[in-house]
């Protein structure tokens, strides 16, 4: 038995038998190229503080921003910064250090996440009676990558609007990365009621068994491409925060915690290398988990736009955020599955296929989501508001 302070060398692979014996039969590892978590998770309280601090600000801008920072975004990178130096104005910027160059080479998904941020800010501001005037890309935008130029200038105009009824769902909104309850069918006739009603964004969905089977197969095959492409998998592995200390230090990326995992780490039985190495139990469990998750999908919804410019991507993000709040209000679960929408060469065939299936006449599919019913999942870590305000 090793004494305290001695090093336990990690094996080159973690056998299924040894792993199950260690955790008492609980297969909890979740490794993958999408947003990932554990069925048994204990996230540090400090990393979840922004969820309880939301709304605890007298300044209307900070009040609204304290909810906006809870917005969903790719790989939980939280790619936003704000400048408050202009009175009654929030200037939204994209953080250039929080890109996903392998899976999001043109910053499309990142821009959608910024749209979600703007939607939450606008909803929260309305509860204080503030109308917000959003001017997108006031200094222009770039087509390939977001630049240092502002994404939006948001002016708080005064007490002039009624509170948005979706505000009450913000703190319980989740992206549910779990198998859905296949015994609870989604009524296709109620899907249109989820329509966020956004200008220039088309909403559609299906619970038809044949169409959902086709889409389940598509998202699984696309996930395998991302998972089995070393560069795209490594991008996710590099963002995995393993254990309480790592999550507290960087409350972004893919949080993976909980006491069974902490024990495995202390024993040297789990590492980023295990998660990224084909042939290890950790690697294979990631594949198995996502295959089972995708198979447990009774319905899908999606958002398309007529073109794929930055304004359309922001609109899609704002629409998707409202869709997520709508599903939350109805007790439903929503999980974005973005692999087949990604624009790197290895994904080309699946990208073309999803557009053949879901897009009309040159549209871009901006978001594709699993829809169903599932148990509630915990919130994801966030950076505190002050970490996201630029003071110089």
Protein backbone atom coordinates (compact mmCIF):
# COMPACT_ATOMS: atom_id res chain seq x y z
CA UNK A 1 0.00 0.00 0.00
CA UNK A 2 1.38 3.41 -0.95
CA UNK A 3 2.01 5.93 1.80
CA UNK A 4 0.68 9.47 1.61
CA UNK A 5 2.64 11.54 -0.87
CA UNK A 6 3.90 8.58 -2.93
CA UNK A 7 2.94 8.36 -6.59
CA UNK A 8 0.71 5.66 -7.99
CA UNK A 9 1.62 5.16 -11.62
CA UNK A 10 -1.33 5.03 -13.98
CA UNK A 11 -1.77 1.91 -16.10
CA UNK A 12 -1.73 2.26 -19.85
CA UNK A 13 -5.34 1.13 -19.97
CA UNK A 14 -8.10 0.79 -17.40
CA UNK A 15 -9.81 -2.59 -17.59
CA UNK A 16 -13.56 -2.82 -17.30
CA UNK A 17 -13.28 -5.31 -14.41
CA UNK A 18 -10.89 -3.09 -12.43
CA UNK A 19 -12.92 0.05 -13.02
CA UNK A 20 -16.21 -1.55 -11.94
CA UNK A 21 -14.57 -3.02 -8.85
CA UNK A 22 -13.18 0.38 -7.92
CA UNK A 23 -16.47 2.25 -8.12
CA UNK A 24 -18.70 -0.57 -6.88
CA UNK A 25 -20.32 -1.32 -10.21
CA UNK A 26 -21.22 2.25 -11.17
CA UNK A 27 -20.21 3.05 -14.72
CA UNK A 28 -19.95 6.81 -14.40
CA UNK A 29 -17.29 7.88 -16.87
CA UNK A 30 -18.52 10.14 -19.60
CA UNK A 31 -15.90 10.97 -22.16
CA UNK A 32 -16.71 12.54 -25.46
CA UNK A 33 -16.53 15.29 -27.98
CA UNK A 34 -19.77 16.96 -26.97
CA UNK A 35 -20.78 18.70 -23.78
CA UNK A 36 -20.24 15.95 -21.22
CA UNK A 37 -21.06 15.17 -17.59
CA UNK A 38 -21.49 12.37 -15.09
CA UNK A 39 -24.60 10.66 -13.83
CA UNK A 40 -23.11 11.00 -10.34
CA UNK A 41 -21.66 14.47 -9.98
CA UNK A 42 -20.64 16.69 -7.09
CA UNK A 43 -19.69 20.05 -8.51
CA UNK A 44 -17.89 22.43 -6.13
CA UNK A 45 -20.18 25.03 -4.61
CA UNK A 46 -17.89 27.89 -5.64
CA UNK A 47 -18.23 26.96 -9.30
CA UNK A 48 -22.03 27.07 -9.00
CA UNK A 49 -22.18 30.35 -7.06
CA UNK A 50 -23.32 32.40 -10.09
CA UNK A 51 -26.58 30.44 -10.13
CA UNK A 52 -27.41 31.70 -6.62
CA UNK A 53 -25.92 35.15 -7.12
CA UNK A 54 -28.12 35.91 -10.13
CA UNK A 55 -30.30 38.94 -9.50
CA UNK A 56 -28.32 40.15 -6.46
CA UNK A 57 -27.32 43.46 -8.05
CA UNK A 58 -28.87 46.92 -7.79
CA UNK A 59 -27.41 48.22 -11.06
CA UNK A 60 -29.83 47.17 -13.84
CA UNK A 61 -27.04 46.23 -16.22
CA UNK A 62 -25.29 43.98 -13.71
CA UNK A 63 -28.65 42.55 -12.69
CA UNK A 64 -29.38 41.53 -16.29
CA UNK A 65 -25.83 40.31 -16.88
CA UNK A 66 -25.93 38.10 -13.79
CA UNK A 67 -28.57 36.05 -15.61
CA UNK A 68 -26.97 36.37 -19.04
CA UNK A 69 -23.79 34.61 -17.85
CA UNK A 70 -25.92 31.50 -17.23
CA UNK A 71 -26.53 31.15 -20.97
CA UNK A 72 -25.78 27.85 -22.73
CA UNK A 73 -22.78 27.91 -25.02
CA UNK A 74 -20.52 25.44 -26.86
CA UNK A 75 -18.38 23.33 -24.52
CA UNK A 76 -19.35 25.73 -21.71
CA UNK A 77 -16.48 28.03 -22.71
CA UNK A 78 -18.52 31.15 -21.80
CA UNK A 79 -16.96 33.11 -24.68
CA UNK A 80 -18.25 36.54 -23.63
CA UNK A 81 -16.76 39.69 -22.15
CA UNK A 82 -18.64 42.91 -21.45
CA UNK A 83 -17.59 46.54 -21.23
CA UNK A 84 -19.65 48.78 -18.92
CA UNK A 85 -17.68 51.99 -19.19
CA UNK A 86 -20.35 53.74 -21.28
CA UNK A 87 -23.26 54.78 -19.03
CA UNK A 88 -26.47 52.77 -19.48
CA UNK A 89 -24.79 50.61 -22.14
CA UNK A 90 -23.46 47.06 -22.25
CA UNK A 91 -20.92 46.41 -24.99
CA UNK A 92 -20.65 42.69 -25.70
CA UNK A 93 -17.34 41.30 -26.93
CA UNK A 94 -16.21 37.82 -27.96
CA UNK A 95 -13.30 36.47 -25.96
CA UNK A 96 -10.73 35.38 -28.58
CA UNK A 97 -9.16 32.92 -26.12
CA UNK A 98 -12.36 30.85 -26.01
CA UNK A 99 -12.61 29.45 -29.48
CA UNK A 100 -13.06 25.89 -30.74
CA UNK A 101 -10.91 25.93 -33.89
CA UNK A 102 -11.26 22.20 -34.60
CA UNK A 103 -15.02 21.71 -34.25
CA UNK A 104 -16.17 25.31 -34.82
CA UNK A 105 -13.64 26.64 -37.35
CA UNK A 106 -15.76 29.64 -38.40
CA UNK A 107 -17.06 30.59 -34.92
CA UNK A 108 -20.64 29.80 -35.92
CA UNK A 109 -21.49 27.93 -32.74
CA UNK A 110 -19.67 30.49 -30.63
CA UNK A 111 -21.80 33.24 -32.23
CA UNK A 112 -24.97 31.27 -31.47
CA UNK A 113 -23.86 31.12 -27.83
CA UNK A 114 -23.48 34.91 -27.83
CA UNK A 115 -27.05 35.11 -29.15
CA UNK A 116 -28.20 33.04 -26.17
CA UNK A 117 -26.37 35.48 -23.88
CA UNK A 118 -28.13 38.48 -25.45
CA UNK A 119 -31.52 36.80 -25.14
CA UNK A 120 -31.08 36.12 -21.43
CA UNK A 121 -29.84 39.66 -20.82
CA UNK A 122 -32.86 41.08 -22.60
CA UNK A 123 -35.31 38.84 -20.72
CA UNK A 124 -33.75 39.67 -17.35
CA UNK A 125 -33.70 43.41 -18.10
CA UNK A 126 -37.43 43.27 -18.82
CA UNK A 127 -38.14 42.12 -15.26
CA UNK A 128 -36.74 45.45 -14.08
CA UNK A 129 -38.91 47.25 -16.62
CA UNK A 130 -36.02 48.11 -18.93
CA UNK A 131 -36.35 48.16 -22.67
CA UNK A 132 -33.08 47.23 -24.37
CA UNK A 133 -32.00 48.41 -27.78
CA UNK A 134 -29.56 45.90 -29.31
CA UNK A 135 -27.32 47.09 -32.13
CA UNK A 136 -25.47 44.11 -33.58
CA UNK A 137 -21.91 44.47 -34.81
CA UNK A 138 -21.87 48.29 -34.61
CA UNK A 139 -18.37 48.40 -36.11
CA UNK A 140 -19.00 45.67 -38.68
CA UNK A 141 -18.37 41.92 -38.57
CA UNK A 142 -16.04 39.38 -40.12
CA UNK A 143 -17.20 36.35 -42.08
CA UNK A 144 -14.51 33.82 -41.14
CA UNK A 145 -13.78 34.50 -37.47
CA UNK A 146 -15.12 36.87 -34.86
CA UNK A 147 -12.71 39.71 -34.24
CA UNK A 148 -12.04 42.11 -31.39
CA UNK A 149 -14.77 44.41 -32.68
CA UNK A 150 -17.97 44.54 -30.57
CA UNK A 151 -20.59 41.88 -31.12
CA UNK A 152 -23.35 44.12 -29.80
CA UNK A 153 -24.01 47.47 -28.19
CA UNK A 154 -26.98 47.19 -25.83
CA UNK A 155 -28.55 50.37 -24.50
CA UNK A 156 -30.80 50.25 -21.43
CA UNK A 157 -33.55 52.74 -22.25
CA UNK A 158 -35.55 53.00 -19.02
CA UNK A 159 -38.60 51.48 -17.43
CA UNK A 160 -40.86 50.87 -20.40
CA UNK A 161 -41.62 47.14 -20.90
CA UNK A 162 -43.48 44.33 -19.16
CA UNK A 163 -41.58 41.40 -17.69
CA UNK A 164 -40.99 38.52 -20.09
CA UNK A 165 -42.95 35.47 -18.78
CA UNK A 166 -40.06 33.14 -19.62
CA UNK A 167 -37.88 34.79 -16.98
CA UNK A 168 -39.17 32.36 -14.33
CA UNK A 169 -37.55 29.44 -16.18
CA UNK A 170 -33.99 30.79 -16.33
CA UNK A 171 -32.62 29.19 -13.17
CA UNK A 172 -34.07 25.74 -13.97
CA UNK A 173 -33.13 25.76 -17.66
CA UNK A 174 -30.70 22.99 -18.59
CA UNK A 175 -29.20 21.25 -21.61
CA UNK A 176 -30.05 17.67 -20.72
CA UNK A 177 -27.29 15.31 -21.82
CA UNK A 178 -29.03 12.15 -20.63
CA UNK A 179 -31.07 9.29 -22.14
CA UNK A 180 -34.71 10.36 -22.37
CA UNK A 181 -37.66 8.40 -21.03
CA UNK A 182 -38.79 6.35 -24.02
CA UNK A 183 -41.96 5.28 -22.19
CA UNK A 184 -43.18 8.89 -22.30
CA UNK A 185 -43.98 9.77 -25.88
CA UNK A 186 -43.77 13.27 -27.31
CA UNK A 187 -47.07 14.34 -28.84
CA UNK A 188 -46.18 15.64 -32.29
CA UNK A 189 -49.21 17.91 -32.33
CA UNK A 190 -47.80 19.93 -29.42
CA UNK A 191 -44.38 20.54 -30.99
CA UNK A 192 -45.57 23.67 -32.85
CA UNK A 193 -46.45 25.21 -29.46
CA UNK A 194 -42.71 25.27 -28.67
CA UNK A 195 -42.03 27.63 -31.56
CA UNK A 196 -40.03 30.57 -30.18
CA UNK A 197 -41.59 32.80 -32.85
CA UNK A 198 -38.35 34.51 -33.84
CA UNK A 199 -38.11 36.64 -36.95
CA UNK A 200 -35.98 35.13 -39.71
CA UNK A 201 -35.59 31.79 -37.90
CA UNK A 202 -37.64 28.78 -38.99
CA UNK A 203 -38.64 26.27 -36.31
CA UNK A 204 -39.64 22.66 -37.04
CA UNK A 205 -39.71 19.28 -35.33
CA UNK A 206 -40.84 15.70 -35.52
CA UNK A 207 -41.86 12.79 -33.34
CA UNK A 208 -42.56 10.56 -36.34
CA UNK A 209 -40.90 7.18 -35.65
CA UNK A 210 -39.37 6.82 -39.10
CA UNK A 211 -37.94 10.34 -39.20
CA UNK A 212 -36.64 10.17 -35.64
CA UNK A 213 -34.95 6.85 -36.40
CA UNK A 214 -33.19 8.45 -39.37
CA UNK A 215 -32.05 11.40 -37.29
CA UNK A 216 -30.92 9.19 -34.41
CA UNK A 217 -28.68 7.28 -36.79
CA UNK A 218 -27.35 10.50 -38.30
CA UNK A 219 -26.39 12.11 -34.99
CA UNK A 220 -24.73 8.89 -33.80
CA UNK A 221 -22.64 8.55 -36.95
CA UNK A 222 -21.66 12.22 -36.76
CA UNK A 223 -20.71 11.85 -33.10
CA UNK A 224 -18.45 8.92 -34.03
CA UNK A 225 -16.69 11.06 -36.62
CA UNK A 226 -15.95 13.75 -34.05
CA UNK A 227 -14.99 11.20 -31.42
CA UNK A 228 -12.74 9.17 -33.69
CA UNK A 229 -11.01 12.17 -35.29
CA UNK A 230 -7.99 12.76 -33.01
CA UNK A 231 -7.89 16.55 -33.33
CA UNK A 232 -11.59 17.09 -32.60
CA UNK A 233 -11.63 14.62 -29.72
CA UNK A 234 -8.50 16.18 -28.22
CA UNK A 235 -10.15 19.59 -28.32
CA UNK A 236 -12.79 18.25 -25.92
CA UNK A 237 -10.33 16.29 -23.80
CA UNK A 238 -8.25 19.44 -23.28
CA UNK A 239 -11.33 21.20 -21.92
CA UNK A 240 -12.27 18.49 -19.41
CA UNK A 241 -11.96 19.66 -15.80
CA UNK A 242 -11.30 16.50 -13.80
CA UNK A 243 -12.20 16.82 -10.15
CA UNK A 244 -13.12 19.56 -7.68
CA UNK A 245 -9.82 21.42 -7.74
CA UNK A 246 -9.76 21.68 -11.52
CA UNK A 247 -13.41 22.74 -11.68
CA UNK A 248 -12.93 25.43 -9.04
CA UNK A 249 -9.82 26.70 -10.81
CA UNK A 250 -11.56 26.85 -14.20
CA UNK A 251 -15.36 26.79 -13.90
CA UNK A 252 -15.77 26.43 -17.65
CA UNK A 253 -15.25 23.66 -20.17
CA UNK A 254 -16.51 20.13 -19.46
CA UNK A 255 -16.83 19.55 -15.72
CA UNK A 256 -16.26 15.98 -14.57
CA UNK A 257 -16.44 15.51 -10.82
CA UNK A 258 -17.88 13.52 -7.97
CA UNK A 259 -16.45 11.36 -5.20
CA UNK A 260 -16.01 8.10 -7.20
CA UNK A 261 -14.07 10.01 -9.81
CA UNK A 262 -11.98 11.80 -7.20
CA UNK A 263 -10.97 8.42 -5.80
CA UNK A 264 -9.99 7.16 -9.25
CA UNK A 265 -7.85 10.21 -9.83
CA UNK A 266 -6.07 9.85 -6.50
CA UNK A 267 -5.34 6.24 -7.39
CA UNK A 268 -3.94 7.28 -10.75
CA UNK A 269 -6.60 5.27 -12.59
CA UNK A 270 -8.05 8.10 -14.65
CA UNK A 271 -6.44 10.87 -16.64
CA UNK A 272 -6.90 12.95 -19.74
CA UNK A 273 -4.74 10.40 -21.52
CA UNK A 274 -7.09 7.54 -20.58
CA UNK A 275 -10.06 9.50 -21.88
CA UNK A 276 -8.34 10.22 -25.20
CA UNK A 277 -6.79 6.79 -25.84
CA UNK A 278 -8.67 4.21 -27.96
CA UNK A 279 -8.73 0.84 -26.25
CA UNK A 280 -9.09 2.14 -22.71
CA UNK A 281 -12.28 1.54 -20.81
CA UNK A 282 -12.77 5.28 -20.39
CA UNK A 283 -12.63 5.86 -24.14
CA UNK A 284 -14.99 3.00 -24.98
CA UNK A 285 -17.44 3.97 -22.25
CA UNK A 286 -17.75 7.40 -23.84
CA UNK A 287 -18.82 5.82 -27.12
CA UNK A 288 -21.21 3.39 -25.44
CA UNK A 289 -22.76 6.12 -23.32
CA UNK A 290 -23.51 8.38 -26.25
CA UNK A 291 -24.87 5.58 -28.38
CA UNK A 292 -27.31 4.68 -25.60
CA UNK A 293 -28.17 8.33 -25.04
CA UNK A 294 -28.92 9.02 -28.69
CA UNK A 295 -30.97 5.83 -29.00
CA UNK A 296 -33.20 7.12 -26.20
CA UNK A 297 -34.57 10.04 -28.23
CA UNK A 298 -38.32 10.16 -28.97
CA UNK A 299 -38.36 13.46 -30.91
CA UNK A 300 -36.26 16.19 -32.52
CA UNK A 301 -36.59 19.91 -33.12
CA UNK A 302 -34.42 22.20 -35.22
CA UNK A 303 -33.85 25.82 -36.22
CA UNK A 304 -32.87 27.02 -39.70
CA UNK A 305 -32.08 30.40 -41.22
CA UNK A 306 -32.20 31.60 -44.81
CA UNK A 307 -28.50 32.41 -44.74
CA UNK A 308 -25.52 31.89 -42.48
CA UNK A 309 -24.25 35.38 -41.69
CA UNK A 310 -23.45 36.62 -38.18
CA UNK A 311 -26.81 38.32 -37.69
CA UNK A 312 -28.61 35.07 -38.58
CA UNK A 313 -26.42 33.13 -36.15
CA UNK A 314 -27.21 35.58 -33.35
CA UNK A 315 -30.92 35.31 -34.20
CA UNK A 316 -30.69 31.52 -34.05
CA UNK A 317 -29.06 31.72 -30.61
CA UNK A 318 -31.75 34.03 -29.27
CA UNK A 319 -34.44 31.76 -30.69
CA UNK A 320 -32.83 28.63 -29.29
CA UNK A 321 -32.60 30.13 -25.82
CA UNK A 322 -36.32 30.89 -25.86
CA UNK A 323 -36.99 27.38 -27.15
CA UNK A 324 -35.04 25.96 -24.21
CA UNK A 325 -37.04 28.09 -21.78
CA UNK A 326 -40.28 26.98 -23.46
CA UNK A 327 -39.39 23.31 -23.07
CA UNK A 328 -38.40 23.91 -19.44
CA UNK A 329 -41.76 25.52 -18.74
CA UNK A 330 -43.50 22.43 -20.15
CA UNK A 331 -41.41 19.99 -18.14
CA UNK A 332 -39.54 18.74 -21.20
CA UNK A 333 -35.84 18.05 -21.78
CA UNK A 334 -33.78 19.53 -24.61
CA UNK A 335 -30.27 18.55 -25.72
CA UNK A 336 -28.45 20.24 -28.61
CA UNK A 337 -26.58 17.78 -30.82
CA UNK A 338 -24.23 19.82 -32.95
CA UNK A 339 -21.78 17.34 -34.40
CA UNK A 340 -23.48 16.94 -37.80
CA UNK A 341 -23.72 20.74 -38.15
CA UNK A 342 -20.00 21.32 -37.78
CA UNK A 343 -17.99 22.60 -40.71
CA UNK A 344 -14.66 20.77 -40.76
CA UNK A 345 -13.70 18.44 -43.63
CA UNK A 346 -14.26 15.07 -41.92
CA UNK A 347 -17.88 16.03 -41.16
CA UNK A 348 -18.77 17.06 -44.71
CA UNK A 349 -20.94 14.07 -45.62
CA UNK A 350 -23.02 14.30 -42.45
CA UNK A 351 -23.31 18.08 -42.82
CA UNK A 352 -24.67 17.61 -46.32
CA UNK A 353 -27.03 14.87 -45.15
CA UNK A 354 -28.61 16.90 -42.34
CA UNK A 355 -29.21 19.77 -44.74
CA UNK A 356 -30.81 17.41 -47.26
CA UNK A 357 -33.15 16.17 -44.53
CA UNK A 358 -34.03 19.40 -42.71
CA UNK A 359 -33.21 22.53 -44.74
CA UNK A 360 -35.42 24.20 -47.32
CA UNK A 361 -33.94 25.81 -50.41
CA UNK A 362 -30.50 26.93 -49.32
CA UNK A 363 -31.21 27.31 -45.62
CA UNK A 364 -28.59 26.65 -42.96
CA UNK A 365 -29.48 24.33 -40.11
CA UNK A 366 -28.25 26.25 -37.08
CA UNK A 367 -29.45 24.01 -34.25
CA UNK A 368 -30.61 20.39 -34.00
CA UNK A 369 -31.91 19.08 -30.68
CA UNK A 370 -33.06 15.92 -29.01
CA UNK A 371 -36.46 16.46 -27.38
CA UNK A 372 -38.20 14.36 -24.77
CA UNK A 373 -38.67 13.87 -21.06
CA UNK A 374 -35.99 13.16 -18.47
CA UNK A 375 -35.12 13.65 -14.83
CA UNK A 376 -33.73 17.03 -13.82
CA UNK A 377 -29.98 17.49 -14.15
CA UNK A 378 -27.74 19.83 -12.13
CA UNK A 379 -26.52 23.21 -13.40
CA UNK A 380 -23.10 23.62 -14.97
CA UNK A 381 -20.28 25.72 -13.49
CA UNK A 382 -19.90 29.37 -14.40
CA UNK A 383 -17.36 32.14 -13.97
CA UNK A 384 -18.58 34.90 -11.67
CA UNK A 385 -19.82 38.10 -13.26
CA UNK A 386 -16.83 40.24 -12.29
CA UNK A 387 -14.56 37.82 -14.18
CA UNK A 388 -16.44 38.72 -17.35
CA UNK A 389 -16.35 42.52 -17.08
CA UNK A 390 -13.58 44.37 -18.87
CA UNK A 391 -12.39 47.27 -16.75
CA UNK A 392 -9.71 48.70 -19.05
